[in-house]
């Protein structure tokens, strides 16, 4: 559908996440079609519930661009800050790995990785 349609859909997704997040949460676009959401004080189980809620909303929403229906899905990676993390990059790398695992497993799902294990 082109860049204009993609940008419109990304803005709609960002608006949804922004409306659903708490005041203490942080949302940023992290790359072309990636978002990072930081949920302070939330464990990985609760973060997975939040990510799954967003995933389901996106899966069931029909976005429109110039009368064309656009269906999209969400592959999400969830992790938490661990005591052994040396820098924010450790957390980001784990979240990226979880996202890649979600895509590898068939997309449109949430994967949690804390340490060396995944759910």
PDB file of N, CA and C in Angstrom:
ATOM      1  N   UNK A   1       0.807  -1.212   0.000  1.00  0.00           N
ATOM      2  CA  UNK A   1       0.000   0.000   0.000  1.00  0.00           C
ATOM      3  C   UNK A   1       0.847   1.273   0.000  1.00  0.00           C
ATOM      4  N   UNK A   2       2.144   1.144   0.168  1.00  0.00           N
ATOM      5  CA  UNK A   2       3.031   2.286   0.088  1.00  0.00           C
ATOM      6  C   UNK A   2       3.349   2.909   1.444  1.00  0.00           C
ATOM      7  N   UNK A   3       4.288   3.842   1.398  1.00  0.00           N
ATOM      8  CA  UNK A   3       4.772   4.481   2.619  1.00  0.00           C
ATOM      9  C   UNK A   3       3.702   5.310   3.319  1.00  0.00           C
ATOM     10  N   UNK A   4       2.869   6.003   2.555  1.00  0.00           N
ATOM     11  CA  UNK A   4       1.835   6.835   3.178  1.00  0.00           C
ATOM     12  C   UNK A   4       0.854   5.986   3.981  1.00  0.00           C
ATOM     13  N   UNK A   5       0.457   4.859   3.410  1.00  0.00           N
ATOM     14  CA  UNK A   5      -0.443   3.953   4.133  1.00  0.00           C
ATOM     15  C   UNK A   5       0.241   3.386   5.363  1.00  0.00           C
ATOM     16  N   UNK A   6       1.491   2.977   5.205  1.00  0.00           N
ATOM     17  CA  UNK A   6       2.240   2.438   6.337  1.00  0.00           C
ATOM     18  C   UNK A   6       2.390   3.445   7.457  1.00  0.00           C
ATOM     19  N   UNK A   7       2.692   4.691   7.112  1.00  0.00           N
ATOM     20  CA  UNK A   7       2.817   5.735   8.130  1.00  0.00           C
ATOM     21  C   UNK A   7       1.491   5.977   8.843  1.00  0.00           C
ATOM     22  N   UNK A   8       0.404   5.948   8.098  1.00  0.00           N
ATOM     23  CA  UNK A   8      -0.917   6.150   8.704  1.00  0.00           C
ATOM     24  C   UNK A   8      -1.219   5.022   9.698  1.00  0.00           C
ATOM     25  N   UNK A   9      -0.928   3.794   9.322  1.00  0.00           N
ATOM     26  CA  UNK A   9      -1.166   2.652  10.205  1.00  0.00           C
ATOM     27  C   UNK A   9      -0.264   2.737  11.447  1.00  0.00           C
ATOM     28  N   UNK A  10       1.008   3.086  11.253  1.00  0.00           N
ATOM     29  CA  UNK A  10       1.915   3.221  12.393  1.00  0.00           C
ATOM     30  C   UNK A  10       1.440   4.298  13.358  1.00  0.00           C
ATOM     31  N   UNK A  11       0.925   5.397  12.836  1.00  0.00           N
ATOM     32  CA  UNK A  11       0.393   6.451  13.714  1.00  0.00           C
ATOM     33  C   UNK A  11      -0.823   5.950  14.489  1.00  0.00           C
ATOM     34  N   UNK A  12      -1.681   5.183  13.833  1.00  0.00           N
ATOM     35  CA  UNK A  12      -2.869   4.645  14.507  1.00  0.00           C
ATOM     36  C   UNK A  12      -2.467   3.684  15.624  1.00  0.00           C
ATOM     37  N   UNK A  13      -1.480   2.839  15.354  1.00  0.00           N
ATOM     38  CA  UNK A  13      -0.998   1.902  16.375  1.00  0.00           C
ATOM     39  C   UNK A  13      -0.389   2.677  17.541  1.00  0.00           C
ATOM     40  N   UNK A  14       0.424   3.679  17.243  1.00  0.00           N
ATOM     41  CA  UNK A  14       1.039   4.491  18.297  1.00  0.00           C
ATOM     42  C   UNK A  14      -0.025   5.185  19.142  1.00  0.00           C
ATOM     43  N   UNK A  15      -1.062   5.697  18.493  1.00  0.00           N
ATOM     44  CA  UNK A  15      -2.136   6.358  19.238  1.00  0.00           C
ATOM     45  C   UNK A  15      -2.845   5.392  20.170  1.00  0.00           C
ATOM     46  N   UNK A  16      -3.095   4.174  19.703  1.00  0.00           N
ATOM     47  CA  UNK A  16      -3.748   3.181  20.553  1.00  0.00           C
ATOM     48  C   UNK A  16      -2.898   2.890  21.788  1.00  0.00           C
ATOM     49  N   UNK A  17      -1.629   2.610  21.566  1.00  0.00           N
ATOM     50  CA  UNK A  17      -0.742   2.287  22.686  1.00  0.00           C
ATOM     51  C   UNK A  17      -0.666   3.480  23.638  1.00  0.00           C
ATOM     52  N   UNK A  18      -0.564   4.681  23.085  1.00  0.00           N
ATOM     53  CA  UNK A  18      -0.474   5.878  23.910  1.00  0.00           C
ATOM     54  C   UNK A  18      -1.722   6.060  24.767  1.00  0.00           C
ATOM     55  N   UNK A  19      -2.880   5.778  24.209  1.00  0.00           N
ATOM     56  CA  UNK A  19      -4.135   5.909  24.957  1.00  0.00           C
ATOM     57  C   UNK A  19      -4.257   4.848  26.050  1.00  0.00           C
ATOM     58  N   UNK A  20      -3.697   3.677  25.828  1.00  0.00           N
ATOM     59  CA  UNK A  20      -3.827   2.569  26.774  1.00  0.00           C
ATOM     60  C   UNK A  20      -2.773   2.576  27.874  1.00  0.00           C
ATOM     61  N   UNK A  21      -1.659   3.249  27.652  1.00  0.00           N
ATOM     62  CA  UNK A  21      -0.567   3.185  28.620  1.00  0.00           C
ATOM     63  C   UNK A  21      -0.850   4.063  29.836  1.00  0.00           C
ATOM     64  N   UNK A  22      -0.179   3.727  30.927  1.00  0.00           N
ATOM     65  CA  UNK A  22      -0.274   4.537  32.141  1.00  0.00           C
ATOM     66  C   UNK A  22       0.601   5.777  31.989  1.00  0.00           C
ATOM     67  N   UNK A  23       0.382   6.763  32.841  1.00  0.00           N
ATOM     68  CA  UNK A  23       1.180   7.995  32.791  1.00  0.00           C
ATOM     69  C   UNK A  23       2.662   7.699  33.017  1.00  0.00           C
ATOM     70  N   UNK A  24       2.966   6.671  33.800  1.00  0.00           N
ATOM     71  CA  UNK A  24       4.359   6.332  34.109  1.00  0.00           C
ATOM     72  C   UNK A  24       5.050   5.524  33.007  1.00  0.00           C
ATOM     73  N   UNK A  25       4.301   5.020  32.038  1.00  0.00           N
ATOM     74  CA  UNK A  25       4.865   4.218  30.952  1.00  0.00           C
ATOM     75  C   UNK A  25       5.492   5.120  29.895  1.00  0.00           C
ATOM     76  N   UNK A  26       6.386   4.537  29.122  1.00  0.00           N
ATOM     77  CA  UNK A  26       7.095   5.285  28.082  1.00  0.00           C
ATOM     78  C   UNK A  26       6.941   4.553  26.756  1.00  0.00           C
ATOM     79  N   UNK A  27       6.553   5.284  25.730  1.00  0.00           N
ATOM     80  CA  UNK A  27       6.365   4.736  24.382  1.00  0.00           C
ATOM     81  C   UNK A  27       7.285   5.465  23.421  1.00  0.00           C
ATOM     82  N   UNK A  28       7.968   4.703  22.570  1.00  0.00           N
ATOM     83  CA  UNK A  28       8.814   5.304  21.543  1.00  0.00           C
ATOM     84  C   UNK A  28       8.781   4.436  20.296  1.00  0.00           C
ATOM     85  N   UNK A  29       8.874   5.066  19.152  1.00  0.00           N
ATOM     86  CA  UNK A  29       9.063   4.324  17.902  1.00  0.00           C
ATOM     87  C   UNK A  29      10.530   3.950  17.857  1.00  0.00           C
ATOM     88  N   UNK A  30      10.794   2.673  17.660  1.00  0.00           N
ATOM     89  CA  UNK A  30      12.153   2.157  17.745  1.00  0.00           C
ATOM     90  C   UNK A  30      12.471   1.444  16.443  1.00  0.00           C
ATOM     91  N   UNK A  31      12.790   2.192  15.439  1.00  0.00           N
ATOM     92  CA  UNK A  31      13.054   1.590  14.136  1.00  0.00           C
ATOM     93  C   UNK A  31      11.856   1.762  13.233  1.00  0.00           C
ATOM     94  N   UNK A  32      11.973   1.268  12.024  1.00  0.00           N
ATOM     95  CA  UNK A  32      10.963   1.448  11.001  1.00  0.00           C
ATOM     96  C   UNK A  32       9.542   1.133  11.424  1.00  0.00           C
ATOM     97  N   UNK A  33       9.318  -0.083  11.846  1.00  0.00           N
ATOM     98  CA  UNK A  33       7.960  -0.483  12.235  1.00  0.00           C
ATOM     99  C   UNK A  33       7.952  -1.103  13.627  1.00  0.00           C
ATOM    100  N   UNK A  34       8.889  -0.693  14.436  1.00  0.00           N
ATOM    101  CA  UNK A  34       9.004  -1.232  15.788  1.00  0.00           C
ATOM    102  C   UNK A  34       8.734  -0.150  16.822  1.00  0.00           C
ATOM    103  N   UNK A  35       8.110  -0.582  17.915  1.00  0.00           N
ATOM    104  CA  UNK A  35       7.860   0.293  19.044  1.00  0.00           C
ATOM    105  C   UNK A  35       8.486  -0.320  20.281  1.00  0.00           C
ATOM    106  N   UNK A  36       8.899   0.541  21.189  1.00  0.00           N
ATOM    107  CA  UNK A  36       9.363   0.098  22.506  1.00  0.00           C
ATOM    108  C   UNK A  36       8.410   0.706  23.535  1.00  0.00           C
ATOM    109  N   UNK A  37       7.976  -0.130  24.461  1.00  0.00           N
ATOM    110  CA  UNK A  37       7.126   0.343  25.548  1.00  0.00           C
ATOM    111  C   UNK A  37       7.786  -0.090  26.847  1.00  0.00           C
ATOM    112  N   UNK A  38       8.083   0.873  27.690  1.00  0.00           N
ATOM    113  CA  UNK A  38       8.680   0.591  28.990  1.00  0.00           C
ATOM    114  C   UNK A  38       7.587   0.724  30.036  1.00  0.00           C
ATOM    115  N   UNK A  39       7.401  -0.331  30.822  1.00  0.00           N
ATOM    116  CA  UNK A  39       6.339  -0.400  31.828  1.00  0.00           C
ATOM    117  C   UNK A  39       6.962  -0.519  33.221  1.00  0.00           C
ATOM    118  N   UNK A  40       7.310   0.596  33.849  1.00  0.00           N
ATOM    119  CA  UNK A  40       7.961   0.530  35.165  1.00  0.00           C
ATOM    120  C   UNK A  40       7.077  -0.158  36.204  1.00  0.00           C
ATOM    121  N   UNK A  41       7.718  -0.986  37.036  1.00  0.00           N
ATOM    122  CA  UNK A  41       7.004  -1.637  38.130  1.00  0.00           C
ATOM    123  C   UNK A  41       6.130  -2.800  37.713  1.00  0.00           C
ATOM    124  N   UNK A  42       6.274  -3.269  36.491  1.00  0.00           N
ATOM    125  CA  UNK A  42       5.450  -4.378  35.974  1.00  0.00           C
ATOM    126  C   UNK A  42       6.334  -5.596  35.765  1.00  0.00           C
ATOM    127  N   UNK A  43       5.877  -6.756  36.229  1.00  0.00           N
ATOM    128  CA  UNK A  43       6.645  -7.981  35.992  1.00  0.00           C
ATOM    129  C   UNK A  43       6.352  -8.502  34.583  1.00  0.00           C
ATOM    130  N   UNK A  44       7.105  -9.504  34.166  1.00  0.00           N
ATOM    131  CA  UNK A  44       6.971  -9.990  32.784  1.00  0.00           C
ATOM    132  C   UNK A  44       5.599 -10.596  32.516  1.00  0.00           C
ATOM    133  N   UNK A  45       4.989 -11.191  33.518  1.00  0.00           N
ATOM    134  CA  UNK A  45       3.651 -11.766  33.345  1.00  0.00           C
ATOM    135  C   UNK A  45       2.624 -10.677  33.036  1.00  0.00           C
ATOM    136  N   UNK A  46       2.674  -9.597  33.788  1.00  0.00           N
ATOM    137  CA  UNK A  46       1.754  -8.477  33.552  1.00  0.00           C
ATOM    138  C   UNK A  46       2.061  -7.789  32.235  1.00  0.00           C
ATOM    139  N   UNK A  47       3.340  -7.658  31.905  1.00  0.00           N
ATOM    140  CA  UNK A  47       3.732  -7.050  30.630  1.00  0.00           C
ATOM    141  C   UNK A  47       3.237  -7.899  29.458  1.00  0.00           C
ATOM    142  N   UNK A  48       3.280  -9.207  29.623  1.00  0.00           N
ATOM    143  CA  UNK A  48       2.780 -10.096  28.579  1.00  0.00           C
ATOM    144  C   UNK A  48       1.278  -9.880  28.375  1.00  0.00           C
ATOM    145  N   UNK A  49       0.537  -9.680  29.454  1.00  0.00           N
ATOM    146  CA  UNK A  49      -0.903  -9.425  29.351  1.00  0.00           C
ATOM    147  C   UNK A  49      -1.157  -8.123  28.590  1.00  0.00           C
ATOM    148  N   UNK A  50      -0.381  -7.083  28.899  1.00  0.00           N
ATOM    149  CA  UNK A  50      -0.511  -5.805  28.193  1.00  0.00           C
ATOM    150  C   UNK A  50      -0.208  -5.985  26.707  1.00  0.00           C
ATOM    151  N   UNK A  51       0.885  -6.656  26.391  1.00  0.00           N
ATOM    152  CA  UNK A  51       1.268  -6.878  24.993  1.00  0.00           C
ATOM    153  C   UNK A  51       0.224  -7.705  24.260  1.00  0.00           C
ATOM    154  N   UNK A  52      -0.329  -8.697  24.925  1.00  0.00           N
ATOM    155  CA  UNK A  52      -1.352  -9.542  24.296  1.00  0.00           C
ATOM    156  C   UNK A  52      -2.628  -8.749  24.015  1.00  0.00           C
ATOM    157  N   UNK A  53      -2.981  -7.854  24.920  1.00  0.00           N
ATOM    158  CA  UNK A  53      -4.155  -7.004  24.706  1.00  0.00           C
ATOM    159  C   UNK A  53      -3.962  -6.132  23.464  1.00  0.00           C
ATOM    160  N   UNK A  54      -2.789  -5.542  23.340  1.00  0.00           N
ATOM    161  CA  UNK A  54      -2.496  -4.719  22.170  1.00  0.00           C
ATOM    162  C   UNK A  54      -2.469  -5.574  20.907  1.00  0.00           C
ATOM    163  N   UNK A  55      -1.864  -6.762  20.994  1.00  0.00           N
ATOM    164  CA  UNK A  55      -1.793  -7.656  19.841  1.00  0.00           C
ATOM    165  C   UNK A  55      -3.185  -8.019  19.340  1.00  0.00           C
ATOM    166  N   UNK A  56      -4.083  -8.352  20.267  1.00  0.00           N
ATOM    167  CA  UNK A  56      -5.450  -8.727  19.873  1.00  0.00           C
ATOM    168  C   UNK A  56      -6.191  -7.557  19.243  1.00  0.00           C
ATOM    169  N   UNK A  57      -5.993  -6.353  19.791  1.00  0.00           N
ATOM    170  CA  UNK A  57      -6.647  -5.183  19.209  1.00  0.00           C
ATOM    171  C   UNK A  57      -6.191  -4.986  17.772  1.00  0.00           C
ATOM    172  N   UNK A  58      -4.898  -5.082  17.548  1.00  0.00           N
ATOM    173  CA  UNK A  58      -4.346  -4.877  16.208  1.00  0.00           C
ATOM    174  C   UNK A  58      -4.839  -5.957  15.251  1.00  0.00           C
ATOM    175  N   UNK A  59      -4.874  -7.189  15.717  1.00  0.00           N
ATOM    176  CA  UNK A  59      -5.316  -8.307  14.881  1.00  0.00           C
ATOM    177  C   UNK A  59      -6.760  -8.137  14.415  1.00  0.00           C
ATOM    178  N   UNK A  60      -7.605  -7.547  15.257  1.00  0.00           N
ATOM    179  CA  UNK A  60      -9.032  -7.435  14.930  1.00  0.00           C
ATOM    180  C   UNK A  60      -9.416  -6.090  14.324  1.00  0.00           C
ATOM    181  N   UNK A  61      -8.466  -5.191  14.216  1.00  0.00           N
ATOM    182  CA  UNK A  61      -8.750  -3.869  13.648  1.00  0.00           C
ATOM    183  C   UNK A  61      -8.489  -3.876  12.142  1.00  0.00           C
ATOM    184  N   UNK A  62      -9.405  -3.300  11.416  1.00  0.00           N
ATOM    185  CA  UNK A  62      -9.212  -3.115   9.984  1.00  0.00           C
ATOM    186  C   UNK A  62      -8.835  -1.650   9.786  1.00  0.00           C
ATOM    187  N   UNK A  63      -7.603  -1.440   9.397  1.00  0.00           N
ATOM    188  CA  UNK A  63      -7.138  -0.094   9.106  1.00  0.00           C
ATOM    189  C   UNK A  63      -7.534   0.219   7.670  1.00  0.00           C
ATOM    190  N   UNK A  64      -7.741   1.481   7.382  1.00  0.00           N
ATOM    191  CA  UNK A  64      -8.148   1.859   6.033  1.00  0.00           C
ATOM    192  C   UNK A  64      -7.220   2.930   5.493  1.00  0.00           C
ATOM    193  N   UNK A  65      -6.938   2.773   4.219  1.00  0.00           N
ATOM    194  CA  UNK A  65      -6.195   3.792   3.492  1.00  0.00           C
ATOM    195  C   UNK A  65      -6.816   3.905   2.113  1.00  0.00           C
ATOM    196  N   UNK A  66      -7.395   5.077   1.812  1.00  0.00           N
ATOM    197  CA  UNK A  66      -8.043   5.303   0.516  1.00  0.00           C
ATOM    198  C   UNK A  66      -9.008   4.176   0.145  1.00  0.00           C
ATOM    199  N   UNK A  67      -9.889   3.818   0.989  1.00  0.00           N
ATOM    200  CA  UNK A  67     -10.894   2.771   0.759  1.00  0.00           C
ATOM    201  C   UNK A  67     -10.336   1.353   0.723  1.00  0.00           C
ATOM    202  N   UNK A  68      -9.043   1.187   0.950  1.00  0.00           N
ATOM    203  CA  UNK A  68      -8.464  -0.155   0.984  1.00  0.00           C
ATOM    204  C   UNK A  68      -8.391  -0.639   2.431  1.00  0.00           C
ATOM    205  N   UNK A  69      -8.922  -1.826   2.691  1.00  0.00           N
ATOM    206  CA  UNK A  69      -8.776  -2.367   4.048  1.00  0.00           C
ATOM    207  C   UNK A  69      -7.367  -2.939   4.230  1.00  0.00           C
ATOM    208  N   UNK A  70      -6.772  -2.655   5.364  1.00  0.00           N
ATOM    209  CA  UNK A  70      -5.426  -3.142   5.658  1.00  0.00           C
ATOM    210  C   UNK A  70      -5.473  -3.923   6.960  1.00  0.00           C
ATOM    211  N   UNK A  71      -5.090  -5.182   6.890  1.00  0.00           N
ATOM    212  CA  UNK A  71      -5.014  -6.041   8.075  1.00  0.00           C
ATOM    213  C   UNK A  71      -3.544  -6.189   8.450  1.00  0.00           C
ATOM    214  N   UNK A  72      -3.244  -6.012   9.718  1.00  0.00           N
ATOM    215  CA  UNK A  72      -1.866  -6.190  10.170  1.00  0.00           C
ATOM    216  C   UNK A  72      -1.860  -7.078  11.407  1.00  0.00           C
ATOM    217  N   UNK A  73      -0.680  -7.489  11.790  1.00  0.00           N
ATOM    218  CA  UNK A  73      -0.527  -8.287  13.000  1.00  0.00           C
ATOM    219  C   UNK A  73       0.647  -7.727  13.801  1.00  0.00           C
ATOM    220  N   UNK A  74       0.793  -8.236  15.017  1.00  0.00           N
ATOM    221  CA  UNK A  74       1.851  -7.768  15.904  1.00  0.00           C
ATOM    222  C   UNK A  74       2.646  -8.951  16.433  1.00  0.00           C
ATOM    223  N   UNK A  75       3.941  -8.870  16.283  1.00  0.00           N
ATOM    224  CA  UNK A  75       4.861  -9.807  16.925  1.00  0.00           C
ATOM    225  C   UNK A  75       5.573  -9.013  18.004  1.00  0.00           C
ATOM    226  N   UNK A  76       5.450  -9.463  19.255  1.00  0.00           N
ATOM    227  CA  UNK A  76       5.997  -8.683  20.367  1.00  0.00           C
ATOM    228  C   UNK A  76       6.959  -9.502  21.203  1.00  0.00           C
ATOM    229  N   UNK A  77       7.993  -8.830  21.661  1.00  0.00           N
ATOM    230  CA  UNK A  77       8.949  -9.423  22.589  1.00  0.00           C
ATOM    231  C   UNK A  77       8.862  -8.720  23.924  1.00  0.00           C
ATOM    232  N   UNK A  78       8.829  -9.503  24.995  1.00  0.00           N
ATOM    233  CA  UNK A  78       8.709  -8.966  26.350  1.00  0.00           C
ATOM    234  C   UNK A  78       9.877  -9.462  27.186  1.00  0.00           C
ATOM    235  N   UNK A  79      10.428  -8.584  27.989  1.00  0.00           N
ATOM    236  CA  UNK A  79      11.464  -8.956  28.936  1.00  0.00           C
ATOM    237  C   UNK A  79      11.400  -8.017  30.123  1.00  0.00           C
ATOM    238  N   UNK A  80      12.198  -8.289  31.131  1.00  0.00           N
ATOM    239  CA  UNK A  80      12.313  -7.409  32.287  1.00  0.00           C
ATOM    240  C   UNK A  80      13.784  -7.093  32.521  1.00  0.00           C
ATOM    241  N   UNK A  81      14.026  -6.064  33.304  1.00  0.00           N
ATOM    242  CA  UNK A  81      15.390  -5.736  33.698  1.00  0.00           C
ATOM    243  C   UNK A  81      15.815  -6.755  34.753  1.00  0.00           C
ATOM    244  N   UNK A  82      16.986  -7.348  34.533  1.00  0.00           N
ATOM    245  CA  UNK A  82      17.507  -8.367  35.440  1.00  0.00           C
ATOM    246  C   UNK A  82      18.691  -7.818  36.230  1.00  0.00           C
ATOM    247  N   UNK A  83      18.922  -8.346  37.440  1.00  0.00           N
ATOM    248  CA  UNK A  83      20.040  -7.855  38.256  1.00  0.00           C
ATOM    249  C   UNK A  83      21.390  -7.950  37.541  1.00  0.00           C
ATOM    250  N   UNK A  84      21.557  -8.942  36.681  1.00  0.00           N
ATOM    251  CA  UNK A  84      22.846  -9.122  35.994  1.00  0.00           C
ATOM    252  C   UNK A  84      23.020  -8.235  34.760  1.00  0.00           C
ATOM    253  N   UNK A  85      21.988  -7.468  34.387  1.00  0.00           N
ATOM    254  CA  UNK A  85      22.118  -6.579  33.238  1.00  0.00           C
ATOM    255  C   UNK A  85      23.168  -5.512  33.521  1.00  0.00           C
ATOM    256  N   UNK A  86      24.076  -5.350  32.559  1.00  0.00           N
ATOM    257  CA  UNK A  86      25.157  -4.378  32.703  1.00  0.00           C
ATOM    258  C   UNK A  86      24.794  -3.007  32.127  1.00  0.00           C
ATOM    259  N   UNK A  87      23.850  -2.994  31.178  1.00  0.00           N
ATOM    260  CA  UNK A  87      23.462  -1.733  30.546  1.00  0.00           C
ATOM    261  C   UNK A  87      22.059  -1.887  29.949  1.00  0.00           C
ATOM    262  N   UNK A  88      21.446  -0.772  29.570  1.00  0.00           N
ATOM    263  CA  UNK A  88      20.147  -0.862  28.896  1.00  0.00           C
ATOM    264  C   UNK A  88      20.203  -1.710  27.630  1.00  0.00           C
ATOM    265  N   UNK A  89      21.367  -1.755  26.982  1.00  0.00           N
ATOM    266  CA  UNK A  89      21.494  -2.564  25.768  1.00  0.00           C
ATOM    267  C   UNK A  89      21.226  -4.040  26.021  1.00  0.00           C
ATOM    268  N   UNK A  90      21.540  -4.540  27.216  1.00  0.00           N
ATOM    269  CA  UNK A  90      21.257  -5.937  27.548  1.00  0.00           C
ATOM    270  C   UNK A  90      19.753  -6.206  27.492  1.00  0.00           C
ATOM    271  N   UNK A  91      18.974  -5.278  28.007  1.00  0.00           N
ATOM    272  CA  UNK A  91      17.512  -5.419  28.024  1.00  0.00           C
ATOM    273  C   UNK A  91      16.959  -5.311  26.604  1.00  0.00           C
ATOM    274  N   UNK A  92      17.454  -4.335  25.857  1.00  0.00           N
ATOM    275  CA  UNK A  92      16.994  -4.139  24.482  1.00  0.00           C
ATOM    276  C   UNK A  92      17.307  -5.361  23.624  1.00  0.00           C
ATOM    277  N   UNK A  93      18.489  -5.926  23.791  1.00  0.00           N
ATOM    278  CA  UNK A  93      18.868  -7.107  23.022  1.00  0.00           C
ATOM    279  C   UNK A  93      17.933  -8.281  23.333  1.00  0.00           C
ATOM    280  N   UNK A  94      17.609  -8.464  24.612  1.00  0.00           N
ATOM    281  CA  UNK A  94      16.708  -9.550  24.996  1.00  0.00           C
ATOM    282  C   UNK A  94      15.312  -9.334  24.408  1.00  0.00           C
ATOM    283  N   UNK A  95      14.831  -8.106  24.445  1.00  0.00           N
ATOM    284  CA  UNK A  95      13.514  -7.804  23.863  1.00  0.00           C
ATOM    285  C   UNK A  95      13.528  -8.042  22.355  1.00  0.00           C
ATOM    286  N   UNK A  96      14.611  -7.627  21.690  1.00  0.00           N
ATOM    287  CA  UNK A  96      14.750  -7.892  20.248  1.00  0.00           C
ATOM    288  C   UNK A  96      14.740  -9.389  19.963  1.00  0.00           C
ATOM    289  N   UNK A  97      15.488 -10.153  20.761  1.00  0.00           N
ATOM    290  CA  UNK A  97      15.525 -11.614  20.576  1.00  0.00           C
ATOM    291  C   UNK A  97      14.143 -12.222  20.755  1.00  0.00           C
ATOM    292  N   UNK A  98      13.390 -11.720  21.724  1.00  0.00           N
ATOM    293  CA  UNK A  98      12.032 -12.229  21.943  1.00  0.00           C
ATOM    294  C   UNK A  98      11.140 -11.896  20.747  1.00  0.00           C
ATOM    295  N   UNK A  99      11.298 -10.710  20.193  1.00  0.00           N
ATOM    296  CA  UNK A  99      10.508 -10.324  19.019  1.00  0.00           C
ATOM    297  C   UNK A  99      10.855 -11.202  17.820  1.00  0.00           C
ATOM    298  N   UNK A 100      12.137 -11.428  17.593  1.00  0.00           N
ATOM    299  CA  UNK A 100      12.554 -12.311  16.487  1.00  0.00           C
ATOM    300  C   UNK A 100      12.016 -13.725  16.690  1.00  0.00           C
ATOM    301  N   UNK A 101      11.991 -14.184  17.924  1.00  0.00           N
ATOM    302  CA  UNK A 101      11.442 -15.512  18.214  1.00  0.00           C
ATOM    303  C   UNK A 101       9.950 -15.560  17.908  1.00  0.00           C
ATOM    304  N   UNK A 102       9.229 -14.493  18.233  1.00  0.00           N
ATOM    305  CA  UNK A 102       7.793 -14.433  17.911  1.00  0.00           C
ATOM    306  C   UNK A 102       7.579 -14.524  16.402  1.00  0.00           C
ATOM    307  N   UNK A 103       8.407 -13.835  15.641  1.00  0.00           N
ATOM    308  CA  UNK A 103       8.294 -13.894  14.179  1.00  0.00           C
ATOM    309  C   UNK A 103       8.648 -15.283  13.667  1.00  0.00           C
ATOM    310  N   UNK A 104       9.688 -15.875  14.242  1.00  0.00           N
ATOM    311  CA  UNK A 104      10.129 -17.214  13.838  1.00  0.00           C
ATOM    312  C   UNK A 104       9.052 -18.267  14.100  1.00  0.00           C
ATOM    313  N   UNK A 105       8.292 -18.078  15.176  1.00  0.00           N
ATOM    314  CA  UNK A 105       7.233 -19.025  15.540  1.00  0.00           C
ATOM    315  C   UNK A 105       5.958 -18.843  14.724  1.00  0.00           C
ATOM    316  N   UNK A 106       5.962 -17.913  13.793  1.00  0.00           N
ATOM    317  CA  UNK A 106       4.802 -17.749  12.921  1.00  0.00           C
ATOM    318  C   UNK A 106       4.151 -16.383  12.986  1.00  0.00           C
ATOM    319  N   UNK A 107       4.737 -15.454  13.690  1.00  0.00           N
ATOM    320  CA  UNK A 107       4.250 -14.080  13.790  1.00  0.00           C
ATOM    321  C   UNK A 107       2.944 -13.994  14.574  1.00  0.00           C
ATOM    322  N   UNK A 108       2.500 -12.754  14.788  1.00  0.00           N
ATOM    323  CA  UNK A 108       1.239 -12.448  15.467  1.00  0.00           C
ATOM    324  C   UNK A 108       1.137 -13.123  16.826  1.00  0.00           C
ATOM    325  N   UNK A 109       2.181 -12.966  17.631  1.00  0.00           N
ATOM    326  CA  UNK A 109       2.176 -13.530  18.975  1.00  0.00           C
ATOM    327  C   UNK A 109       3.145 -12.783  19.870  1.00  0.00           C
ATOM    328  N   UNK A 110       3.047 -13.061  21.155  1.00  0.00           N
ATOM    329  CA  UNK A 110       3.901 -12.431  22.155  1.00  0.00           C
ATOM    330  C   UNK A 110       4.822 -13.496  22.730  1.00  0.00           C
ATOM    331  N   UNK A 111       6.124 -13.201  22.788  1.00  0.00           N
ATOM    332  CA  UNK A 111       7.090 -14.114  23.379  1.00  0.00           C
ATOM    333  C   UNK A 111       7.804 -13.381  24.516  1.00  0.00           C
ATOM    334  N   UNK A 112       7.950 -14.068  25.654  1.00  0.00           N
ATOM    335  CA  UNK A 112       8.637 -13.524  26.815  1.00  0.00           C
ATOM    336  C   UNK A 112       9.977 -14.215  26.959  1.00  0.00           C
ATOM    337  N   UNK A 113      11.035 -13.431  27.111  1.00  0.00           N
ATOM    338  CA  UNK A 113      12.364 -13.988  27.397  1.00  0.00           C
ATOM    339  C   UNK A 113      12.919 -13.252  28.616  1.00  0.00           C
ATOM    340  N   UNK A 114      13.197 -14.006  29.657  1.00  0.00           N
ATOM    341  CA  UNK A 114      13.874 -13.487  30.843  1.00  0.00           C
ATOM    342  C   UNK A 114      15.086 -14.364  31.061  1.00  0.00           C
ATOM    343  N   UNK A 115      16.261 -13.802  30.944  1.00  0.00           N
ATOM    344  CA  UNK A 115      17.480 -14.605  31.027  1.00  0.00           C
ATOM    345  C   UNK A 115      17.613 -15.434  29.780  1.00  0.00           C
ATOM    346  N   UNK A 116      17.937 -16.721  29.942  1.00  0.00           N
ATOM    347  CA  UNK A 116      18.151 -17.600  28.792  1.00  0.00           C
ATOM    348  C   UNK A 116      16.939 -18.413  28.400  1.00  0.00           C
ATOM    349  N   UNK A 117      15.796 -18.205  29.080  1.00  0.00           N
ATOM    350  CA  UNK A 117      14.609 -19.012  28.768  1.00  0.00           C
ATOM    351  C   UNK A 117      13.576 -18.177  28.041  1.00  0.00           C
ATOM    352  N   UNK A 118      12.640 -18.835  27.355  1.00  0.00           N
ATOM    353  CA  UNK A 118      11.552 -18.134  26.691  1.00  0.00           C
ATOM    354  C   UNK A 118      10.256 -18.892  26.902  1.00  0.00           C
ATOM    355  N   UNK A 119       9.134 -18.141  26.863  1.00  0.00           N
ATOM    356  CA  UNK A 119       7.797 -18.714  27.034  1.00  0.00           C
ATOM    357  C   UNK A 119       6.993 -18.500  25.767  1.00  0.00           C
TER     358      UNK A 119
END
